[in-house]
């Protein structure tokens, strides 16, 4: 292993000397190609669900797949500022400590924490049903039989981009995707759903430079140099 590392170091020194002799335009062209190769390498690794060192990521826990409740529900909801308002959901799903549904009062999809629901409200002309029952406090739905791969969308070209500036090639997430990527890359704490409970996410390194990546880029450089010499 030490001999291989020493050989790789010598190749890096040779590659650096070659790069310094290239014109700025030639360097830029080669660096953009490097960036594209590394982006594809990161995408393949994310699809394989492994870290840059080849160690598999911690598996995702199976999550329940909620199904819409078969009935509408109305209730009094206490907002964070203490104000109480009426929520009227035509259909809804339970997800952890919250329910999500189309609220006719707000004319949009809203998330409600179950611990802030004060009491049921009856449909017009019917009796008050009283305090919240366990029916609305329990989650509905079954368990997925197959755990889907993680971060498939993050690895798409619209979210994972590459490029080159001056003497540097780069690969990274767009501003919109970087927040989600950062939480999982470093294993930080975040909410599972909006207004839902917080959880500690295990670390899953999304981007990284492996020895295989280095060897590939050096081979790409030597190929480029041999083609230039042959012209």
Protein backbone atom coordinates (compact mmCIF):
# COMPACT_ATOMS: atom_id res chain seq x y z
CA UNK A 1 0.00 0.00 0.00
CA UNK A 2 2.89 2.36 0.81
CA UNK A 3 4.52 1.70 -2.58
CA UNK A 4 1.26 2.50 -4.33
CA UNK A 5 0.89 5.74 -2.38
CA UNK A 6 4.48 6.75 -3.21
CA UNK A 7 3.89 6.02 -6.88
CA UNK A 8 0.71 8.08 -6.84
CA UNK A 9 2.60 10.98 -5.23
CA UNK A 10 5.26 10.89 -7.94
CA UNK A 11 2.57 10.85 -10.63
CA UNK A 12 0.95 13.90 -9.01
CA UNK A 13 4.23 15.79 -9.18
CA UNK A 14 4.63 14.90 -12.85
CA UNK A 15 1.02 15.88 -13.54
CA UNK A 16 1.50 19.23 -11.81
CA UNK A 17 4.51 19.97 -14.01
CA UNK A 18 2.52 19.13 -17.14
CA UNK A 19 -0.36 21.36 -16.08
CA UNK A 20 1.95 24.32 -15.51
CA UNK A 21 3.20 24.04 -19.09
CA UNK A 22 -0.29 24.11 -20.59
CA UNK A 23 -1.92 27.24 -21.91
CA UNK A 24 -4.77 28.72 -19.84
CA UNK A 25 -7.30 27.64 -22.48
CA UNK A 26 -5.98 24.07 -22.50
CA UNK A 27 -5.95 23.94 -18.70
CA UNK A 28 -9.55 25.17 -18.54
CA UNK A 29 -10.69 22.58 -21.06
CA UNK A 30 -8.97 19.74 -19.20
CA UNK A 31 -10.22 20.89 -15.78
CA UNK A 32 -13.81 21.02 -17.02
CA UNK A 33 -13.40 17.43 -18.22
CA UNK A 34 -11.96 16.49 -14.81
CA UNK A 35 -14.98 18.07 -13.08
CA UNK A 36 -17.44 16.19 -15.30
CA UNK A 37 -15.67 12.89 -14.62
CA UNK A 38 -15.71 13.45 -10.85
CA UNK A 39 -19.38 14.45 -10.90
CA UNK A 40 -20.24 11.20 -12.66
CA UNK A 41 -18.10 9.33 -10.15
CA UNK A 42 -20.01 10.92 -7.25
CA UNK A 43 -23.33 10.07 -8.90
CA UNK A 44 -22.35 6.41 -9.28
CA UNK A 45 -21.24 6.25 -5.66
CA UNK A 46 -24.43 7.88 -4.39
CA UNK A 47 -26.42 5.36 -6.44
CA UNK A 48 -24.37 2.59 -4.79
CA UNK A 49 -25.18 4.13 -1.35
CA UNK A 50 -21.56 4.09 -0.14
CA UNK A 51 -19.11 6.64 1.32
CA UNK A 52 -15.97 7.77 -0.56
CA UNK A 53 -13.93 5.08 1.24
CA UNK A 54 -16.34 2.39 0.00
CA UNK A 55 -18.06 1.77 3.35
CA UNK A 56 -21.87 1.41 2.96
CA UNK A 57 -23.98 4.18 4.44
CA UNK A 58 -26.11 3.45 7.51
CA UNK A 59 -29.36 2.01 6.22
CA UNK A 60 -32.48 4.11 6.34
CA UNK A 61 -35.18 2.96 8.72
CA UNK A 62 -38.35 1.79 6.98
CA UNK A 63 -40.97 4.52 7.12
CA UNK A 64 -44.69 4.09 7.14
CA UNK A 65 -46.51 5.03 3.96
CA UNK A 66 -49.54 7.00 5.15
CA UNK A 67 -52.83 6.73 3.32
CA UNK A 68 -55.49 9.45 3.32
CA UNK A 69 -58.05 9.14 6.08
CA UNK A 70 -61.52 8.21 4.82
CA UNK A 71 -63.25 11.06 6.63
CA UNK A 72 -63.04 14.81 6.95
CA UNK A 73 -62.18 16.32 10.32
CA UNK A 74 -62.63 19.70 12.00
CA UNK A 75 -60.85 20.78 15.16
CA UNK A 76 -59.58 23.72 17.16
CA UNK A 77 -55.86 24.23 16.71
CA UNK A 78 -53.57 26.21 19.02
CA UNK A 79 -50.91 28.11 17.06
CA UNK A 80 -47.38 28.74 18.46
CA UNK A 81 -48.39 32.29 19.47
CA UNK A 82 -51.27 30.92 21.56
CA UNK A 83 -54.01 31.92 19.12
CA UNK A 84 -56.64 29.23 18.51
CA UNK A 85 -58.25 28.78 15.10
CA UNK A 86 -60.53 26.34 13.32
CA UNK A 87 -58.98 23.75 10.99
CA UNK A 88 -61.23 21.94 8.52
CA UNK A 89 -59.54 19.09 6.63
CA UNK A 90 -61.38 17.32 3.83
CA UNK A 91 -58.75 14.55 3.83
CA UNK A 92 -55.54 14.05 5.78
CA UNK A 93 -52.67 11.68 6.56
CA UNK A 94 -50.88 11.00 9.83
CA UNK A 95 -47.09 11.38 9.82
CA UNK A 96 -45.23 11.01 13.10
CA UNK A 97 -46.42 13.66 15.53
CA UNK A 98 -48.35 15.59 12.88
CA UNK A 99 -51.18 15.33 10.39
CA UNK A 100 -51.08 16.86 6.91
CA UNK A 101 -54.09 17.73 4.78
CA UNK A 102 -55.92 20.31 2.72
CA UNK A 103 -57.30 22.90 5.12
CA UNK A 104 -60.45 24.49 3.70
CA UNK A 105 -60.19 27.36 6.17
CA UNK A 106 -56.67 28.29 4.98
CA UNK A 107 -57.33 27.17 1.39
CA UNK A 108 -54.10 25.19 1.18
CA UNK A 109 -52.15 22.18 2.43
CA UNK A 110 -51.12 22.62 6.04
CA UNK A 111 -49.29 20.59 8.71
CA UNK A 112 -50.73 20.38 12.25
CA UNK A 113 -48.93 19.11 15.32
CA UNK A 114 -51.10 16.64 17.18
CA UNK A 115 -50.17 18.00 20.60
CA UNK A 116 -51.69 21.39 19.66
CA UNK A 117 -55.11 20.05 18.66
CA UNK A 118 -57.54 21.18 21.35
CA UNK A 119 -60.82 19.43 20.50
CA UNK A 120 -62.98 18.09 17.69
CA UNK A 121 -65.59 20.34 16.15
CA UNK A 122 -68.84 18.85 14.86
CA UNK A 123 -70.16 19.20 11.33
CA UNK A 124 -72.88 21.84 11.13
CA UNK A 125 -76.06 20.78 12.90
CA UNK A 126 -74.44 17.93 14.86
CA UNK A 127 -73.41 17.53 18.48
CA UNK A 128 -70.00 18.47 19.81
CA UNK A 129 -67.86 15.28 19.74
CA UNK A 130 -65.77 16.45 22.70
CA UNK A 131 -62.04 15.97 23.28
CA UNK A 132 -59.74 14.62 20.61
CA UNK A 133 -60.01 10.86 20.23
CA UNK A 134 -57.17 8.43 19.70
CA UNK A 135 -58.38 7.97 16.13
CA UNK A 136 -56.84 11.24 15.02
CA UNK A 137 -53.78 10.95 17.21
CA UNK A 138 -52.64 7.66 15.71
CA UNK A 139 -50.81 7.41 12.39
CA UNK A 140 -52.58 5.64 9.53
CA UNK A 141 -51.24 3.50 6.74
CA UNK A 142 -49.01 0.50 6.14
CA UNK A 143 -45.27 -0.12 6.02
CA UNK A 144 -43.32 -0.06 2.81
CA UNK A 145 -41.90 -3.44 1.93
CA UNK A 146 -38.99 -1.98 -0.02
CA UNK A 147 -36.75 0.78 1.26
CA UNK A 148 -36.03 3.20 -1.58
CA UNK A 149 -32.54 4.43 -2.37
CA UNK A 150 -31.56 7.67 -0.68
CA UNK A 151 -30.64 10.98 -2.34
CA UNK A 152 -31.61 9.92 -5.87
CA UNK A 153 -32.91 13.43 -6.61
CA UNK A 154 -29.89 15.13 -5.04
CA UNK A 155 -27.59 13.29 -7.46
CA UNK A 156 -29.40 14.57 -10.54
CA UNK A 157 -27.56 17.11 -12.73
CA UNK A 158 -30.08 19.80 -11.72
CA UNK A 159 -28.84 19.52 -8.12
CA UNK A 160 -25.28 18.21 -8.42
CA UNK A 161 -23.22 20.38 -10.74
CA UNK A 162 -19.59 20.77 -11.77
CA UNK A 163 -17.31 23.32 -13.37
CA UNK A 164 -13.85 24.87 -13.45
CA UNK A 165 -12.42 28.29 -12.52
CA UNK A 166 -8.84 29.39 -13.21
CA UNK A 167 -6.68 26.44 -12.08
CA UNK A 168 -9.35 24.60 -10.08
CA UNK A 169 -12.08 22.08 -10.90
CA UNK A 170 -15.11 21.75 -8.60
CA UNK A 171 -18.17 19.58 -7.93
CA UNK A 172 -20.96 20.65 -5.59
CA UNK A 173 -24.65 20.95 -4.87
CA UNK A 174 -26.75 23.89 -5.93
CA UNK A 175 -27.77 26.40 -3.26
CA UNK A 176 -31.24 24.90 -2.95
CA UNK A 177 -29.98 21.32 -2.55
CA UNK A 178 -26.96 22.14 -0.38
CA UNK A 179 -28.96 22.56 2.84
CA UNK A 180 -30.38 19.04 2.65
CA UNK A 181 -27.05 17.62 1.51
CA UNK A 182 -25.18 19.28 4.39
CA UNK A 183 -27.49 17.79 7.04
CA UNK A 184 -26.90 14.24 5.80
CA UNK A 185 -23.24 14.67 4.82
CA UNK A 186 -22.26 15.76 8.35
CA UNK A 187 -24.98 13.89 10.26
CA UNK A 188 -26.73 16.92 11.76
CA UNK A 189 -30.06 17.43 13.51
CA UNK A 190 -33.17 18.53 11.63
CA UNK A 191 -36.94 18.21 11.49
CA UNK A 192 -38.35 15.17 9.72
CA UNK A 193 -41.27 17.22 8.39
CA UNK A 194 -42.19 20.88 8.58
CA UNK A 195 -43.36 21.67 12.14
CA UNK A 196 -42.66 18.01 12.97
CA UNK A 197 -40.28 16.48 15.55
CA UNK A 198 -36.50 16.84 15.26
CA UNK A 199 -34.17 13.87 14.82
CA UNK A 200 -30.43 13.21 14.61
CA UNK A 201 -29.52 11.96 11.15
CA UNK A 202 -26.62 9.49 10.77
CA UNK A 203 -23.64 10.72 8.80
CA UNK A 204 -23.72 9.71 5.13
CA UNK A 205 -20.88 11.35 3.18
CA UNK A 206 -22.34 12.43 -0.13
CA UNK A 207 -19.23 13.94 -1.73
CA UNK A 208 -15.63 12.88 -1.39
CA UNK A 209 -12.42 12.31 -3.29
CA UNK A 210 -11.21 8.70 -3.30
CA UNK A 211 -7.90 7.19 -4.39
CA UNK A 212 -9.70 5.70 -7.37
CA UNK A 213 -10.75 9.23 -8.38
CA UNK A 214 -7.14 10.42 -8.15
CA UNK A 215 -5.90 7.52 -10.26
CA UNK A 216 -8.60 8.14 -12.84
CA UNK A 217 -7.69 11.83 -13.18
CA UNK A 218 -4.01 11.07 -13.50
CA UNK A 219 -4.77 8.54 -16.22
CA UNK A 220 -6.94 11.14 -17.94
CA UNK A 221 -4.10 13.68 -17.79
CA UNK A 222 -1.52 11.26 -19.16
CA UNK A 223 -3.93 10.36 -21.96
CA UNK A 224 -4.35 14.05 -22.76
CA UNK A 225 -0.57 14.65 -22.76
CA UNK A 226 0.14 11.63 -25.00
CA UNK A 227 -2.47 12.83 -27.48
CA UNK A 228 -0.97 16.34 -27.46
CA UNK A 229 2.55 14.97 -28.05
CA UNK A 230 1.30 12.77 -30.88
CA UNK A 231 -0.27 15.70 -32.74
